[in-house]
Protein backbone atom coordinates (compact mmCIF):
# COMPACT_ATOMS: atom_id res chain seq x y z
CA UNK A 1 21.62 3.86 -33.18
CA UNK A 2 19.86 5.71 -30.33
CA UNK A 3 17.43 2.83 -29.87
CA UNK A 4 20.32 0.34 -29.62
CA UNK A 5 22.13 2.52 -27.06
CA UNK A 6 18.99 2.87 -24.96
CA UNK A 7 18.32 -0.87 -25.06
CA UNK A 8 21.91 -1.45 -23.91
CA UNK A 9 21.74 1.05 -21.00
CA UNK A 10 18.33 0.08 -19.56
CA UNK A 11 19.37 -3.42 -18.36
CA UNK A 12 22.47 -1.92 -16.72
CA UNK A 13 20.39 0.71 -14.94
CA UNK A 14 17.87 -1.86 -13.76
CA UNK A 15 20.65 -4.13 -12.57
CA UNK A 16 22.23 -1.32 -10.56
CA UNK A 17 18.90 -0.38 -9.00
CA UNK A 18 18.22 -4.02 -8.12
CA UNK A 19 21.59 -4.37 -6.37
CA UNK A 20 20.98 -1.18 -4.41
CA UNK A 21 17.58 -2.36 -3.23
CA UNK A 22 19.06 -5.70 -2.21
CA UNK A 23 21.71 -3.85 -0.18
CA UNK A 24 19.10 -1.77 1.61
CA UNK A 25 16.89 -4.72 2.39
CA UNK A 26 19.80 -6.79 3.56
CA UNK A 27 21.48 -4.26 5.85
CA UNK A 28 18.62 -2.21 7.32
CA UNK A 29 15.56 -3.32 9.31
CA UNK A 30 12.92 -1.48 7.31
CA UNK A 31 9.74 -2.66 8.95
CA UNK A 32 8.20 -4.18 12.05
CA UNK A 33 8.36 -7.61 10.47
CA UNK A 34 12.16 -7.48 10.57
CA UNK A 35 12.25 -6.94 14.34
CA UNK A 36 11.98 -9.52 17.08
CA UNK A 37 9.07 -9.33 19.58
CA UNK A 38 11.56 -8.19 22.24
CA UNK A 39 12.79 -5.34 20.05
CA UNK A 40 9.24 -4.21 19.25
CA UNK A 41 8.27 -4.29 22.94
CA UNK A 42 11.30 -2.20 23.90
CA UNK A 43 10.54 0.34 21.19
CA UNK A 44 6.88 0.62 22.21
CA UNK A 45 7.86 1.12 25.84
CA UNK A 46 10.38 3.81 24.91
CA UNK A 47 7.85 5.69 22.81
CA UNK A 48 5.19 6.07 25.52
CA UNK A 49 5.08 9.21 27.63
CA UNK A 50 6.99 8.99 30.89
CA UNK A 51 5.80 9.13 34.50
CA UNK A 52 5.89 12.92 34.52
CA UNK A 53 3.06 12.99 32.00
CA UNK A 54 5.01 14.72 29.23
CA UNK A 55 3.32 14.29 25.88
CA UNK A 56 6.28 15.49 23.75
CA UNK A 57 4.09 17.89 21.76
CA UNK A 58 6.86 20.45 22.00
CA UNK A 59 5.73 22.79 19.24
CA UNK A 60 2.28 23.46 17.90
CA UNK A 61 1.55 22.45 14.33
CA UNK A 62 3.87 20.73 11.90
CA UNK A 63 4.13 17.16 10.73
CA UNK A 64 5.42 14.82 13.46
CA UNK A 65 7.25 11.55 12.83
CA UNK A 66 8.56 9.06 15.37
CA UNK A 67 11.69 7.58 13.82
CA UNK A 68 15.10 6.05 14.32
CA UNK A 69 17.84 7.56 12.16
CA UNK A 70 20.00 4.72 10.88
CA UNK A 71 23.34 5.86 9.53
CA UNK A 72 25.01 4.44 6.46
CA UNK A 73 27.90 3.68 8.82
CA UNK A 74 25.54 1.16 10.52
CA UNK A 75 24.72 3.15 13.68
CA UNK A 76 21.44 4.44 15.14
CA UNK A 77 21.66 8.09 16.20
CA UNK A 78 21.04 8.53 19.95
CA UNK A 79 20.76 11.37 22.45
CA UNK A 80 20.78 10.28 26.10
CA UNK A 81 19.76 11.79 29.45
CA UNK A 82 23.19 13.43 29.83
CA UNK A 83 22.84 15.16 26.47
CA UNK A 84 25.45 12.95 24.80
CA UNK A 85 24.92 12.43 21.08
CA UNK A 86 26.34 9.17 19.75
CA UNK A 87 25.53 6.06 17.79
CA UNK A 88 24.34 2.65 18.95
CA UNK A 89 24.05 -0.63 17.11
CA UNK A 90 21.29 -1.79 19.45
CA UNK A 91 17.94 -1.22 17.66
CA UNK A 92 16.09 -1.46 21.00
CA UNK A 93 18.06 1.39 22.60
CA UNK A 94 15.43 3.80 23.97
CA UNK A 95 17.60 6.82 23.24
CA UNK A 96 17.48 6.11 19.51
CA UNK A 97 13.74 6.90 19.38
CA UNK A 98 13.47 10.40 17.95
CA UNK A 99 10.63 12.81 17.36
CA UNK A 100 11.10 14.65 14.09
CA UNK A 101 8.84 17.65 13.56
CA UNK A 102 8.57 19.92 10.53
CA UNK A 103 8.92 23.51 11.76
CA UNK A 104 8.75 25.43 8.47
CA UNK A 105 8.51 25.00 4.72
CA UNK A 106 11.45 23.80 2.68
CA UNK A 107 12.08 20.67 4.71
CA UNK A 108 13.17 22.48 7.89
CA UNK A 109 12.71 20.27 10.94
CA UNK A 110 13.69 19.79 14.58
CA UNK A 111 14.92 16.50 16.04
CA UNK A 112 14.25 15.61 19.67
CA UNK A 113 14.95 12.53 21.79
CA UNK A 114 11.66 11.03 22.97
CA UNK A 115 13.14 9.67 26.21
CA UNK A 116 15.82 12.27 27.00
CA UNK A 117 13.75 15.30 25.91
CA UNK A 118 16.87 16.92 24.44
CA UNK A 119 16.90 18.63 21.04
CA UNK A 120 19.80 18.04 18.69
CA UNK A 121 21.42 21.32 17.71
CA UNK A 122 24.57 22.44 15.92
CA UNK A 123 26.78 25.37 16.90
CA UNK A 124 28.76 27.77 14.73
CA UNK A 125 31.76 25.42 14.52
CA UNK A 126 29.63 22.46 13.46
CA UNK A 127 29.66 20.59 16.78
CA UNK A 128 26.49 18.68 17.67
CA UNK A 129 25.01 19.70 21.02
CA UNK A 130 21.99 18.83 23.16
CA UNK A 131 19.53 21.60 24.05
CA UNK A 132 16.71 21.48 26.58
CA UNK A 133 14.91 24.38 24.91
CA UNK A 134 14.18 24.70 21.23
CA UNK A 135 16.08 27.43 19.39
CA UNK A 136 17.04 28.32 15.83
CA UNK A 137 20.22 26.25 16.14
CA UNK A 138 17.99 23.14 16.44
CA UNK A 139 16.70 23.56 12.89
CA UNK A 140 17.96 21.16 10.23
CA UNK A 141 17.16 20.89 6.56
CA UNK A 142 16.21 17.42 5.37
CA UNK A 143 17.87 16.66 2.03
CA UNK A 144 16.66 13.70 -0.04
CA UNK A 145 19.58 12.05 -1.81
CA UNK A 146 19.64 10.08 -5.05
CA UNK A 147 20.88 6.96 -3.23
CA UNK A 148 17.62 6.76 -1.18
CA UNK A 149 19.28 8.08 1.96
CA UNK A 150 18.60 11.45 3.63
CA UNK A 151 21.04 14.06 4.92
CA UNK A 152 20.41 16.68 7.62
CA UNK A 153 22.22 20.01 7.38
CA UNK A 154 22.12 22.89 9.84
CA UNK A 155 19.55 25.43 8.69
CA UNK A 156 21.38 28.19 10.56
CA UNK A 157 25.08 27.54 10.13
CA UNK A 158 27.19 26.91 7.05
CA UNK A 159 30.89 26.55 6.34
CA UNK A 160 32.95 29.57 5.30
CA UNK A 161 32.60 28.45 1.68
CA UNK A 162 28.82 28.56 2.05
CA UNK A 163 28.32 24.80 1.95
CA UNK A 164 26.17 23.00 4.48
CA UNK A 165 27.27 21.32 7.70
CA UNK A 166 25.63 17.94 8.27
CA UNK A 167 24.74 15.58 11.10
CA UNK A 168 27.16 12.68 10.65
CA UNK A 169 28.36 9.60 12.51
CA UNK A 170 31.81 8.10 12.06
CA UNK A 171 32.41 4.41 11.48
CA UNK A 172 32.93 4.16 15.26
CA UNK A 173 29.55 5.76 15.96
CA UNK A 174 30.96 9.12 17.04
CA UNK A 175 29.48 12.44 15.85
CA UNK A 176 31.60 14.26 13.31
CA UNK A 177 32.08 18.02 13.39
CA UNK A 178 29.97 19.65 10.70
CA UNK A 179 32.94 21.44 9.14
CA UNK A 180 34.37 18.05 8.17
CA UNK A 181 31.17 16.80 6.54
CA UNK A 182 29.83 16.92 3.01
CA UNK A 183 26.50 15.93 1.54
CA UNK A 184 28.25 13.38 -0.66
CA UNK A 185 30.06 11.76 2.30
CA UNK A 186 28.45 8.49 3.43
CA UNK A 187 28.95 9.46 7.09
CA UNK A 188 26.18 12.04 6.55
CA UNK A 189 23.66 9.61 5.07
CA UNK A 190 20.74 8.31 7.13
CA UNK A 191 17.57 6.30 6.61
CA UNK A 192 14.60 7.30 8.82
CA UNK A 193 13.17 4.00 10.08
CA UNK A 194 9.65 3.61 11.40
CA UNK A 195 9.81 2.37 14.97
CA UNK A 196 6.10 2.06 15.74
CA UNK A 197 2.84 1.86 13.80
CA UNK A 198 1.40 5.09 15.14
CA UNK A 199 3.68 7.69 13.62
CA UNK A 200 1.91 10.98 14.13
CA UNK A 201 2.54 11.53 17.85
CA UNK A 202 3.32 9.68 21.04
CA UNK A 203 0.32 8.80 23.16
């Protein structure tokens, strides 16, 4: 009986996994081959150091990744020169290029705009803010979800019930206050996309 039940469940599980992979491949540009030459050129230009000679090595040590965070709501997370945090559907938007650096064990990391040089932080009420200088409020915990997406919760602040507050974008590309977010909510789900071949640091 157990063998029959297992044989019945396995095809269903494989079918569900196949459909999920098809969804991911169909809706998200996962590699360089999915981008046009114009998009790749814009991304490479955005990722190079600017005329002031900044090299973006803002903290010593730690793993560094250059990524775009693509929300399950179909927006790329951006932080511009004015410190505004929003979403864009333009994959070549320079402000969507982010430097993600591990700052401590347990998946604690800091997220910084490569072009704007602002850190993403969260305050006590769960509002996303831009910070010029790194502080504890800029720390986020990277959570790997079962649906192949990631979630990013404030490492410093939690809700009154002790649950995490997450970076999230609405279906209109607007940041949601952390107190209204949950790990299970699709607004909080992101895929880190590679935006250039050299991932370790910006030249």
